[in-house]
Each structure stands twice: as C-alpha cells, then as structure tokens.
Amino acid sequence: MTQYFSANLFSCFRGLLSTGITREIQCSHFKIPLDDDFQLLLRVCSSDTTGALTIR
C-alpha cells in the first residue's frame, strides 16, 4: 500500500464530495465546518465509495 501526503485534498477526492445544500446538510449533521473537506470525506466516503477506493 502506498501512502500519499498533501496539505490540500487531492482533486480526485474533492470530486467525491457533495456541494451546495447537500454539503451544508451533511456538515450540519456531522458537525463539521463547511470548509473541512478531509473530515467530510472521512465521514461520508469511508464505507461506500465507487470503484476500488478506500479512505481511512
């Protein structure tokens, strides 16, 4: 397994996240700041993602 590190969320992962009102609802539900892409990714994309992708 190869690990990657970045100060910013890679664009391929950002594309998995919701936008607009759906993002607002998810962030409100999980009590995550709207600008915290990484925490949102971990909460909504860690168990059921498209393809051979695992986020931990």
Protein backbone atom coordinates (compact mmCIF):
# COMPACT_ATOMS: atom_id res chain seq x y z
CA MET A 1 0.00 0.00 0.00
CA THR A 2 1.34 3.44 -0.95
CA GLN A 3 0.61 6.42 1.27
CA TYR A 4 0.36 9.96 -0.06
CA PHE A 5 0.56 13.18 1.93
CA SER A 6 -0.60 16.66 0.97
CA ALA A 7 -1.58 19.87 2.73
CA ASN A 8 -4.61 20.02 0.40
CA LEU A 9 -7.16 17.42 -0.55
CA PHE A 10 -6.33 15.88 -3.94
CA SER A 11 -8.83 16.91 -6.62
CA CYS A 12 -9.86 13.30 -7.32
CA PHE A 13 -11.11 13.06 -3.72
CA ARG A 14 -12.69 16.51 -3.70
CA GLY A 15 -14.81 15.35 -6.66
CA LEU A 16 -16.41 12.71 -4.42
CA LEU A 17 -17.82 15.36 -2.07
CA SER A 18 -21.24 16.96 -2.27
CA THR A 19 -21.69 20.64 -2.95
CA GLY A 20 -24.32 23.25 -2.23
CA ILE A 21 -27.23 22.49 0.06
CA THR A 22 -26.37 18.78 0.27
CA ARG A 23 -22.91 19.64 1.64
CA GLU A 24 -24.47 22.08 4.11
CA ILE A 25 -26.85 19.38 5.36
CA GLN A 26 -24.06 16.80 5.70
CA CYS A 27 -21.75 19.22 7.52
CA SER A 28 -24.55 20.28 9.84
CA HIS A 29 -25.49 16.66 10.58
CA PHE A 30 -21.91 15.59 11.34
CA LYS A 31 -20.98 18.94 12.98
CA ILE A 32 -18.14 19.52 10.50
CA PRO A 33 -17.09 23.01 9.30
CA LEU A 34 -18.15 23.67 5.69
CA ASP A 35 -14.53 24.16 4.61
CA ASP A 36 -13.19 20.90 6.13
CA ASP A 37 -13.05 18.68 3.04
CA PHE A 38 -10.97 15.97 4.70
CA GLN A 39 -13.30 15.40 7.67
CA LEU A 40 -16.31 15.37 5.36
CA LEU A 41 -14.56 12.87 3.10
CA LEU A 42 -13.87 10.58 6.06
CA ARG A 43 -17.47 10.77 7.28
CA VAL A 44 -19.38 10.29 4.03
CA CYS A 45 -16.96 8.35 1.82
CA SER A 46 -15.30 5.87 4.14
CA SER A 47 -17.71 2.96 3.80
CA ASP A 48 -19.45 3.09 0.43
CA THR A 49 -17.40 4.52 -2.43
CA THR A 50 -17.44 3.94 -6.16
CA GLY A 51 -14.72 1.67 -7.52
CA ALA A 52 -11.65 0.30 -5.80
CA LEU A 53 -11.12 3.20 -3.42
CA THR A 54 -10.77 3.03 0.35
CA ILE A 55 -10.49 6.12 2.52
CA ARG A 56 -9.24 5.70 6.08
